[in-house]
């Protein structure tokens, strides 16, 4: 599901369409996103996903993500 579709669902829900529940986005485990990031598979998308989720991760996962970003060339 794309971001635009999620926004449309939220807007429809806010406008009074309460019949259909809004589903929460499903995320991959942090370890699999980090492994894809380190392998170079779709690095920009993995970076964005990790940045968006950083505030809601456990302390151990935050530490792994921050160390991975610091070890990278960017």
PDB file of N, CA and C in Angstrom:
ATOM      1  N   UNK A   1       0.845  -1.167   0.000  1.00  0.00           N
ATOM      2  CA  UNK A   1       0.000   0.000   0.000  1.00  0.00           C
ATOM      3  C   UNK A   1       0.897   1.239   0.000  1.00  0.00           C
ATOM      4  N   UNK A   2       0.613   2.137  -0.892  1.00  0.00           N
ATOM      5  CA  UNK A   2       1.433   3.335  -0.993  1.00  0.00           C
ATOM      6  C   UNK A   2       1.005   4.365   0.036  1.00  0.00           C
ATOM      7  N   UNK A   3       1.833   5.363   0.201  1.00  0.00           N
ATOM      8  CA  UNK A   3       1.547   6.417   1.163  1.00  0.00           C
ATOM      9  C   UNK A   3       0.292   7.185   0.772  1.00  0.00           C
ATOM     10  N   UNK A   4       0.097   7.413  -0.518  1.00  0.00           N
ATOM     11  CA  UNK A   4      -1.084   8.138  -0.986  1.00  0.00           C
ATOM     12  C   UNK A   4      -2.363   7.383  -0.623  1.00  0.00           C
ATOM     13  N   UNK A   5      -2.332   6.061  -0.756  1.00  0.00           N
ATOM     14  CA  UNK A   5      -3.506   5.267  -0.391  1.00  0.00           C
ATOM     15  C   UNK A   5      -3.774   5.344   1.100  1.00  0.00           C
ATOM     16  N   UNK A   6      -2.719   5.332   1.909  1.00  0.00           N
ATOM     17  CA  UNK A   6      -2.891   5.451   3.353  1.00  0.00           C
ATOM     18  C   UNK A   6      -3.482   6.806   3.717  1.00  0.00           C
ATOM     19  N   UNK A   7      -3.017   7.863   3.058  1.00  0.00           N
ATOM     20  CA  UNK A   7      -3.531   9.203   3.324  1.00  0.00           C
ATOM     21  C   UNK A   7      -5.008   9.287   2.948  1.00  0.00           C
ATOM     22  N   UNK A   8      -5.371   8.691   1.804  1.00  0.00           N
ATOM     23  CA  UNK A   8      -6.777   8.701   1.401  1.00  0.00           C
ATOM     24  C   UNK A   8      -7.648   7.976   2.418  1.00  0.00           C
ATOM     25  N   UNK A   9      -7.153   6.854   2.961  1.00  0.00           N
ATOM     26  CA  UNK A   9      -7.923   6.120   3.961  1.00  0.00           C
ATOM     27  C   UNK A   9      -8.126   6.958   5.213  1.00  0.00           C
ATOM     28  N   UNK A  10      -7.083   7.635   5.651  1.00  0.00           N
ATOM     29  CA  UNK A  10      -7.187   8.460   6.843  1.00  0.00           C
ATOM     30  C   UNK A  10      -8.134   9.630   6.591  1.00  0.00           C
ATOM     31  N   UNK A  11      -8.039  10.259   5.420  1.00  0.00           N
ATOM     32  CA  UNK A  11      -8.920  11.388   5.090  1.00  0.00           C
ATOM     33  C   UNK A  11     -10.368  10.931   5.014  1.00  0.00           C
ATOM     34  N   UNK A  12     -10.618   9.774   4.416  1.00  0.00           N
ATOM     35  CA  UNK A  12     -11.980   9.252   4.348  1.00  0.00           C
ATOM     36  C   UNK A  12     -12.513   8.964   5.745  1.00  0.00           C
ATOM     37  N   UNK A  13     -11.673   8.458   6.599  1.00  0.00           N
ATOM     38  CA  UNK A  13     -12.079   8.158   7.966  1.00  0.00           C
ATOM     39  C   UNK A  13     -12.391   9.461   8.708  1.00  0.00           C
ATOM     40  N   UNK A  14     -11.578  10.495   8.487  1.00  0.00           N
ATOM     41  CA  UNK A  14     -11.785  11.768   9.165  1.00  0.00           C
ATOM     42  C   UNK A  14     -13.034  12.480   8.667  1.00  0.00           C
ATOM     43  N   UNK A  15     -13.438  12.220   7.424  1.00  0.00           N
ATOM     44  CA  UNK A  15     -14.603  12.904   6.874  1.00  0.00           C
ATOM     45  C   UNK A  15     -15.912  12.236   7.277  1.00  0.00           C
ATOM     46  N   UNK A  16     -15.861  11.180   8.036  1.00  0.00           N
ATOM     47  CA  UNK A  16     -17.092  10.569   8.523  1.00  0.00           C
ATOM     48  C   UNK A  16     -17.315   9.154   8.055  1.00  0.00           C
ATOM     49  N   UNK A  17     -16.382   8.554   7.347  1.00  0.00           N
ATOM     50  CA  UNK A  17     -16.509   7.175   6.890  1.00  0.00           C
ATOM     51  C   UNK A  17     -15.984   6.259   7.989  1.00  0.00           C
ATOM     52  N   UNK A  18     -16.805   6.039   9.011  1.00  0.00           N
ATOM     53  CA  UNK A  18     -16.364   5.276  10.181  1.00  0.00           C
ATOM     54  C   UNK A  18     -16.643   3.791  10.053  1.00  0.00           C
ATOM     55  N   UNK A  19     -17.239   3.368   8.950  1.00  0.00           N
ATOM     56  CA  UNK A  19     -17.594   1.965   8.781  1.00  0.00           C
ATOM     57  C   UNK A  19     -16.377   1.080   8.587  1.00  0.00           C
ATOM     58  N   UNK A  20     -15.377   1.595   7.889  1.00  0.00           N
ATOM     59  CA  UNK A  20     -14.215   0.794   7.550  1.00  0.00           C
ATOM     60  C   UNK A  20     -13.057   1.144   8.479  1.00  0.00           C
ATOM     61  N   UNK A  21     -12.475   0.147   9.131  1.00  0.00           N
ATOM     62  CA  UNK A  21     -11.341   0.439  10.010  1.00  0.00           C
ATOM     63  C   UNK A  21     -10.089   0.801   9.210  1.00  0.00           C
ATOM     64  N   UNK A  22      -9.282   1.662   9.777  1.00  0.00           N
ATOM     65  CA  UNK A  22      -8.015   2.050   9.163  1.00  0.00           C
ATOM     66  C   UNK A  22      -6.944   1.115   9.700  1.00  0.00           C
ATOM     67  N   UNK A  23      -6.262   0.426   8.807  1.00  0.00           N
ATOM     68  CA  UNK A  23      -5.247  -0.530   9.229  1.00  0.00           C
ATOM     69  C   UNK A  23      -3.918   0.181   9.464  1.00  0.00           C
ATOM     70  N   UNK A  24      -3.195  -0.291  10.444  1.00  0.00           N
ATOM     71  CA  UNK A  24      -1.867   0.243  10.715  1.00  0.00           C
ATOM     72  C   UNK A  24      -0.892  -0.338   9.701  1.00  0.00           C
ATOM     73  N   UNK A  25       0.112   0.434   9.293  1.00  0.00           N
ATOM     74  CA  UNK A  25       1.073  -0.101   8.329  1.00  0.00           C
ATOM     75  C   UNK A  25       1.897  -1.227   8.957  1.00  0.00           C
ATOM     76  N   UNK A  26       2.197  -2.227   8.160  1.00  0.00           N
ATOM     77  CA  UNK A  26       2.996  -3.352   8.634  1.00  0.00           C
ATOM     78  C   UNK A  26       4.454  -3.106   8.280  1.00  0.00           C
ATOM     79  N   UNK A  27       5.305  -3.205   9.273  1.00  0.00           N
ATOM     80  CA  UNK A  27       6.717  -2.957   9.059  1.00  0.00           C
ATOM     81  C   UNK A  27       7.493  -4.261   9.139  1.00  0.00           C
ATOM     82  N   UNK A  28       8.581  -4.302   8.384  1.00  0.00           N
ATOM     83  CA  UNK A  28       9.489  -5.440   8.474  1.00  0.00           C
ATOM     84  C   UNK A  28      10.288  -5.320   9.760  1.00  0.00           C
ATOM     85  N   UNK A  29      10.825  -6.415  10.263  1.00  0.00           N
ATOM     86  CA  UNK A  29      11.676  -6.319  11.442  1.00  0.00           C
ATOM     87  C   UNK A  29      12.905  -5.451  11.172  1.00  0.00           C
ATOM     88  N   UNK A  30      13.374  -4.778  12.201  1.00  0.00           N
ATOM     89  CA  UNK A  30      14.504  -3.862  12.066  1.00  0.00           C
ATOM     90  C   UNK A  30      15.733  -4.601  11.572  1.00  0.00           C
ATOM     91  N   UNK A  31      15.949  -5.813  12.030  1.00  0.00           N
ATOM     92  CA  UNK A  31      17.130  -6.569  11.619  1.00  0.00           C
ATOM     93  C   UNK A  31      17.136  -6.834  10.109  1.00  0.00           C
ATOM     94  N   UNK A  32      15.975  -7.128   9.531  1.00  0.00           N
ATOM     95  CA  UNK A  32      15.946  -7.384   8.082  1.00  0.00           C
ATOM     96  C   UNK A  32      16.134  -6.095   7.290  1.00  0.00           C
ATOM     97  N   UNK A  33      15.610  -4.964   7.794  1.00  0.00           N
ATOM     98  CA  UNK A  33      15.819  -3.689   7.107  1.00  0.00           C
ATOM     99  C   UNK A  33      17.294  -3.306   7.172  1.00  0.00           C
ATOM    100  N   UNK A  34      17.920  -3.516   8.329  1.00  0.00           N
ATOM    101  CA  UNK A  34      19.346  -3.209   8.462  1.00  0.00           C
ATOM    102  C   UNK A  34      20.200  -4.094   7.563  1.00  0.00           C
ATOM    103  N   UNK A  35      19.843  -5.368   7.442  1.00  0.00           N
ATOM    104  CA  UNK A  35      20.630  -6.250   6.573  1.00  0.00           C
ATOM    105  C   UNK A  35      20.484  -5.831   5.113  1.00  0.00           C
ATOM    106  N   UNK A  36      19.276  -5.440   4.696  1.00  0.00           N
ATOM    107  CA  UNK A  36      19.093  -4.929   3.332  1.00  0.00           C
ATOM    108  C   UNK A  36      19.880  -3.647   3.120  1.00  0.00           C
ATOM    109  N   UNK A  37      19.894  -2.773   4.121  1.00  0.00           N
ATOM    110  CA  UNK A  37      20.637  -1.524   4.031  1.00  0.00           C
ATOM    111  C   UNK A  37      22.131  -1.791   3.879  1.00  0.00           C
ATOM    112  N   UNK A  38      22.653  -2.721   4.660  1.00  0.00           N
ATOM    113  CA  UNK A  38      24.082  -3.042   4.604  1.00  0.00           C
ATOM    114  C   UNK A  38      24.471  -3.743   3.308  1.00  0.00           C
ATOM    115  N   UNK A  39      23.545  -4.517   2.727  1.00  0.00           N
ATOM    116  CA  UNK A  39      23.823  -5.193   1.461  1.00  0.00           C
ATOM    117  C   UNK A  39      23.724  -4.241   0.275  1.00  0.00           C
ATOM    118  N   UNK A  40      23.079  -3.100   0.487  1.00  0.00           N
ATOM    119  CA  UNK A  40      22.932  -2.137  -0.602  1.00  0.00           C
ATOM    120  C   UNK A  40      21.646  -2.303  -1.386  1.00  0.00           C
ATOM    121  N   UNK A  41      20.739  -3.130  -0.884  1.00  0.00           N
ATOM    122  CA  UNK A  41      19.462  -3.332  -1.565  1.00  0.00           C
ATOM    123  C   UNK A  41      18.505  -2.191  -1.225  1.00  0.00           C
ATOM    124  N   UNK A  42      18.236  -1.330  -2.200  1.00  0.00           N
ATOM    125  CA  UNK A  42      17.291  -0.235  -2.019  1.00  0.00           C
ATOM    126  C   UNK A  42      17.651   0.598  -0.786  1.00  0.00           C
ATOM    127  N   UNK A  43      18.860   1.065  -0.753  1.00  0.00           N
ATOM    128  CA  UNK A  43      19.427   1.725   0.417  1.00  0.00           C
ATOM    129  C   UNK A  43      18.648   2.975   0.830  1.00  0.00           C
ATOM    130  N   UNK A  44      18.198   3.768  -0.125  1.00  0.00           N
ATOM    131  CA  UNK A  44      17.477   5.000   0.198  1.00  0.00           C
ATOM    132  C   UNK A  44      16.148   4.702   0.882  1.00  0.00           C
ATOM    133  N   UNK A  45      15.434   3.693   0.407  1.00  0.00           N
ATOM    134  CA  UNK A  45      14.154   3.331   1.011  1.00  0.00           C
ATOM    135  C   UNK A  45      14.359   2.772   2.419  1.00  0.00           C
ATOM    136  N   UNK A  46      15.381   1.953   2.603  1.00  0.00           N
ATOM    137  CA  UNK A  46      15.679   1.408   3.923  1.00  0.00           C
ATOM    138  C   UNK A  46      16.057   2.526   4.899  1.00  0.00           C
ATOM    139  N   UNK A  47      16.856   3.480   4.427  1.00  0.00           N
ATOM    140  CA  UNK A  47      17.268   4.599   5.278  1.00  0.00           C
ATOM    141  C   UNK A  47      16.056   5.402   5.726  1.00  0.00           C
ATOM    142  N   UNK A  48      15.152   5.685   4.799  1.00  0.00           N
ATOM    143  CA  UNK A  48      13.958   6.467   5.121  1.00  0.00           C
ATOM    144  C   UNK A  48      13.070   5.722   6.112  1.00  0.00           C
ATOM    145  N   UNK A  49      12.898   4.425   5.903  1.00  0.00           N
ATOM    146  CA  UNK A  49      12.073   3.631   6.814  1.00  0.00           C
ATOM    147  C   UNK A  49      12.661   3.619   8.219  1.00  0.00           C
ATOM    148  N   UNK A  50      13.978   3.450   8.308  1.00  0.00           N
ATOM    149  CA  UNK A  50      14.620   3.432   9.622  1.00  0.00           C
ATOM    150  C   UNK A  50      14.548   4.800  10.298  1.00  0.00           C
ATOM    151  N   UNK A  51      14.695   5.872   9.530  1.00  0.00           N
ATOM    152  CA  UNK A  51      14.593   7.216  10.106  1.00  0.00           C
ATOM    153  C   UNK A  51      13.189   7.481  10.629  1.00  0.00           C
ATOM    154  N   UNK A  52      12.178   7.051   9.891  1.00  0.00           N
ATOM    155  CA  UNK A  52      10.795   7.259  10.325  1.00  0.00           C
ATOM    156  C   UNK A  52      10.462   6.476  11.588  1.00  0.00           C
ATOM    157  N   UNK A  53      11.036   5.296  11.730  1.00  0.00           N
ATOM    158  CA  UNK A  53      10.703   4.426  12.851  1.00  0.00           C
ATOM    159  C   UNK A  53      11.606   4.587  14.056  1.00  0.00           C
ATOM    160  N   UNK A  54      12.647   5.397  13.947  1.00  0.00           N
ATOM    161  CA  UNK A  54      13.670   5.470  14.987  1.00  0.00           C
ATOM    162  C   UNK A  54      13.102   5.845  16.357  1.00  0.00           C
ATOM    163  N   UNK A  55      12.176   6.769  16.415  1.00  0.00           N
ATOM    164  CA  UNK A  55      11.625   7.208  17.699  1.00  0.00           C
ATOM    165  C   UNK A  55      10.845   6.121  18.422  1.00  0.00           C
ATOM    166  N   UNK A  56      10.357   5.138  17.699  1.00  0.00           N
ATOM    167  CA  UNK A  56       9.479   4.124  18.278  1.00  0.00           C
ATOM    168  C   UNK A  56      10.165   2.776  18.491  1.00  0.00           C
ATOM    169  N   UNK A  57      11.471   2.716  18.296  1.00  0.00           N
ATOM    170  CA  UNK A  57      12.213   1.462  18.450  1.00  0.00           C
ATOM    171  C   UNK A  57      12.664   1.265  19.892  1.00  0.00           C
ATOM    172  N   UNK A  58      13.058   0.039  20.179  1.00  0.00           N
ATOM    173  CA  UNK A  58      13.654  -0.228  21.476  1.00  0.00           C
ATOM    174  C   UNK A  58      15.068   0.351  21.508  1.00  0.00           C
ATOM    175  N   UNK A  59      15.636   0.458  22.679  1.00  0.00           N
ATOM    176  CA  UNK A  59      16.962   1.061  22.831  1.00  0.00           C
ATOM    177  C   UNK A  59      18.028   0.271  22.072  1.00  0.00           C
ATOM    178  N   UNK A  60      17.920  -1.034  22.075  1.00  0.00           N
ATOM    179  CA  UNK A  60      18.908  -1.867  21.382  1.00  0.00           C
ATOM    180  C   UNK A  60      18.838  -1.639  19.878  1.00  0.00           C
ATOM    181  N   UNK A  61      17.607  -1.594  19.339  1.00  0.00           N
ATOM    182  CA  UNK A  61      17.449  -1.350  17.906  1.00  0.00           C
ATOM    183  C   UNK A  61      17.912   0.052  17.528  1.00  0.00           C
ATOM    184  N   UNK A  62      17.631   1.043  18.373  1.00  0.00           N
ATOM    185  CA  UNK A  62      18.103   2.408  18.104  1.00  0.00           C
ATOM    186  C   UNK A  62      19.625   2.440  18.014  1.00  0.00           C
ATOM    187  N   UNK A  63      20.265   1.737  18.937  1.00  0.00           N
ATOM    188  CA  UNK A  63      21.730   1.703  18.958  1.00  0.00           C
ATOM    189  C   UNK A  63      22.274   1.068  17.677  1.00  0.00           C
ATOM    190  N   UNK A  64      21.659  -0.023  17.242  1.00  0.00           N
ATOM    191  CA  UNK A  64      22.095  -0.683  16.006  1.00  0.00           C
ATOM    192  C   UNK A  64      21.947   0.233  14.799  1.00  0.00           C
ATOM    193  N   UNK A  65      20.801   0.935  14.726  1.00  0.00           N
ATOM    194  CA  UNK A  65      20.541   1.816  13.587  1.00  0.00           C
ATOM    195  C   UNK A  65      21.519   2.982  13.587  1.00  0.00           C
ATOM    196  N   UNK A  66      21.728   3.603  14.733  1.00  0.00           N
ATOM    197  CA  UNK A  66      22.626   4.751  14.809  1.00  0.00           C
ATOM    198  C   UNK A  66      24.046   4.344  14.462  1.00  0.00           C
ATOM    199  N   UNK A  67      24.512   3.210  14.972  1.00  0.00           N
ATOM    200  CA  UNK A  67      25.862   2.744  14.636  1.00  0.00           C
ATOM    201  C   UNK A  67      25.984   2.420  13.148  1.00  0.00           C
ATOM    202  N   UNK A  68      24.930   1.862  12.566  1.00  0.00           N
ATOM    203  CA  UNK A  68      24.957   1.559  11.137  1.00  0.00           C
ATOM    204  C   UNK A  68      25.036   2.840  10.322  1.00  0.00           C
ATOM    205  N   UNK A  69      24.249   3.847  10.700  1.00  0.00           N
ATOM    206  CA  UNK A  69      24.300   5.120   9.988  1.00  0.00           C
ATOM    207  C   UNK A  69      25.651   5.811  10.157  1.00  0.00           C
ATOM    208  N   UNK A  70      26.235   5.726  11.353  1.00  0.00           N
ATOM    209  CA  UNK A  70      27.525   6.367  11.588  1.00  0.00           C
ATOM    210  C   UNK A  70      28.658   5.666  10.833  1.00  0.00           C
ATOM    211  N   UNK A  71      28.537   4.355  10.636  1.00  0.00           N
ATOM    212  CA  UNK A  71      29.550   3.606   9.897  1.00  0.00           C
ATOM    213  C   UNK A  71      29.444   3.806   8.391  1.00  0.00           C
ATOM    214  N   UNK A  72      28.293   4.294   7.926  1.00  0.00           N
ATOM    215  CA  UNK A  72      28.073   4.494   6.491  1.00  0.00           C
ATOM    216  C   UNK A  72      28.853   5.703   5.992  1.00  0.00           C
ATOM    217  N   UNK A  73      28.848   5.854   4.688  1.00  0.00           N
ATOM    218  CA  UNK A  73      29.618   6.946   4.082  1.00  0.00           C
ATOM    219  C   UNK A  73      28.848   8.260   4.087  1.00  0.00           C
ATOM    220  N   UNK A  74      27.555   8.253   4.331  1.00  0.00           N
ATOM    221  CA  UNK A  74      26.761   9.481   4.308  1.00  0.00           C
ATOM    222  C   UNK A  74      26.786  10.137   5.649  1.00  0.00           C
TER     223      UNK A  74
END
